[in-house]
Amino acid sequence: MQRAPREGKGEDHSGALSFARKRLRACICGNPFPGHFGMSHRAANEYRSSLTLRFTQTRPRVPEKLTPKPYLYRPLRPADSTIRLVHLLPRRCWPVVGADSIVRCELLAFPVNRAPPYVALSYAWGDASLPTTSLLVADKRLEITQSLDIALRHLAEDDKTIILWVDALCINQRDDVEKSFQVRRMGEVYRSAAVVLAWLGPAADDSDLTIQRLVSFVGNAESMKRIKGATDSDSELADIFLREGTAKLFQRPWFTRVWVRQEVVMNARVFYICGNQVLSASRLGRCYEGFTTVLAKHTHDYVPHYILRYRYGPGPWSLEDYMMNKGTLSGFLFGQYLESSEPRDFVYSQLGMIKGGSELITVDYSDTVEDVYTDFSEALVQRGHCIFLWHGWGPSPTYPSLPSWVPDWSSPRCSRPTMCRIGAVSRSYRTDATVQRMAAGECVLWVKAGRLDTINAIPSGADNPMQAAAGPDESSPGPLTNLAEVYRLIDSLRTAIISTSAITSTDSDQSEYMIDDKAFSLSISFNTGTLLRYGVNHDVLHAAYLSLMSSREEQSSKGCERDDCLPYLKVLRAFPPTQIFTTASGRLAGVSDKVVAAGDELFMFPISSSSCHVWALRRIENLPGCFRLVSSVKLMDFSHMVEDLEFKKIGIC
């Protein structure tokens, strides 16, 4: 049995001076002392507690005596209450081969309740296809990624050993049993760390100067007010935030790694390190907010607001609070942009942030991805959080055997609610959701829904330009590459709207205005949430749409796009609808984000007094009362139909 080595006496765990505590607190709060851009994590008392003199007298081995054998992990016993910690030796203890040194460390095991203070590292593993490099553990070889090698070289001390927790080293990645045990404890590992260091990467693309420039501007409240009220004529803001280095900073792989949210929100003592710069969470958030806001105002380009995942903490939270946490919703809505080499981690990475998360499902890497996603979703339904699933459910192209009501957590659908006045209905509505495992193997969600109508007519060919431009799988629209396609889309929407009985005004000018208004709203209906997040003014988009329509003859003849039309055109091209349809009652026209068919039925699922989800469902013939989700849809105003709806339980497979 592997014994837990005891930390020796005489180690340097003495704290820094009291002012270091104040500087740490100031950095965490985003308010370093006046005159300072920030502070080094090395000045923080909590960080210094993780330093030790152990192994500092170890002499570098000469290359001829290096052991070529690979390092072999010993099992952790007991596996559920033991932790490994990396002791990263000071640089002067590293052996030198030619012109390069080799990172040297020791791996020691400790009972969880007797572990010394340590620093938890959050970093991006890097491209697995790139060649690995070696470090020395107990003078044996252990392969690591180049990104980790760079991080360790940057973090190492000159004369002291630093105690670290690093997932790639402290967990035997080849042992699924150990990995399952240790992943269950990940949230606690980061919460208990003396300090968390989020390593964004080495200096590159003028990142040091970029960060200094950004932080010097966002350091006061007046600057943030100016950013929120930015216009496209503010050239100073554009010069600060729209340089190439700013975009490259926020495109670093760390921001899209699925695990990093848990790693940084579980601890209040987090330092973000990029090259030679150190940032607090609040300052990093302000820099990103400035970048995305100014980008949207000046270029009408929109990027996912990843940073919201990291701004709410520290955890863990109760399941109820976690479901309502803005960081959770942001991570969920942007899930398709996140990355992980292990698809199960899109679920497992959430458990540590939830109090009692291990009771929802058991972390087991031998389970199939479909089982993990389904079991987690079923656990949420059983605890009354079915509505949360509605934001991301829908058929998965990656896992076709996944029930359509179970979100593909690696790429949720990000269906935004429809704004609709349904106050009385929502107050009396209860999902009464249950999950039933059928004998034939189907996993059915039974939930109350109100049937609105049936899809009747779908324009085809030139009358439905988006379907004509659809991709090879016919599940997503093709690009609106030119103005002719944009005008055909708008004409098709107008035709569908006119065919309904919704336009009742006898005033021709008023009717035209109503038709245009509904066509405009439907055309960008899959973008609304994105637009609001970036503060894009709805009136600006509407004005750009009207300009596009009023200059149709001019722009069609010249084949060019006027600047005053660009806000609408860029938004439309970012998230165009896939299909246009009308309904059997003749009262509604709508658009879908996936391919629907005549006969698909439209059901409403209330969320609040002013919002709901509307989905096209396809009936399953051999399962009475059961349907499969087909597509999220957006309809013309249907609030007048809500009072007559009867909510019944239906099965969704």
Foldseek 3Di string as FASTA:
>chain_A
DADFDDDDPPWPQDFADPVLCVLLVCQLVLHGDPPDLHDDPVSHRLQSNQWTQPPLPAAADEPVPQDAAADDDDADVVLQFKWKKKWWYAPRRFYDDDNDTATEIEIGMDGNVRDGAAEEEQEDQDDPVDDWDWHAYVSYTDTGHPQVVQVSVVPHHHRIIGIYDYPVPTFPPVDQVSVLSVLLCVLVVLLRHSAYEYELGADDPNLVVLLSLLSVQLSDPVSLVCLLVDALVPVVLCVNQVDPNNVVSCPGQSLQALQVLSNQAQYSRYWYDYHPDIHHLVSVLSSLLSNQLNCCRNPVDHDQSSSLLNPDHNAQDAPVVLLVRSNNVSCQLCLLRHDDPQQLCLQSSCQSSHVVSCVQDRRGSVDDLLVSQVSNQQSCVVVQNLVSLVQFFAQDPVDNVRFRSGGSSNHGPRFDWDFAQQAVCQVPDDFPWHWDQDPVGDIKIKGKWWFDFFFADWDDDLLKLQQVQADPVSWAGHFPPFVVSVVSLLVSQLVLVVQAPAQDDPDPVVSVVVSLVQSLCQFLVRCVVSCVVSPNDPVQQSQLSVVCVVCVVVCVVVRDRDPSNVSNVNSSRVQGFRTWTHGPVSHKIKTWRTDDDGGFTWIWADDHSTTIWIFTWADDVVDPQETETHTTMDMDHDNVVNVVIDIDIGIGD
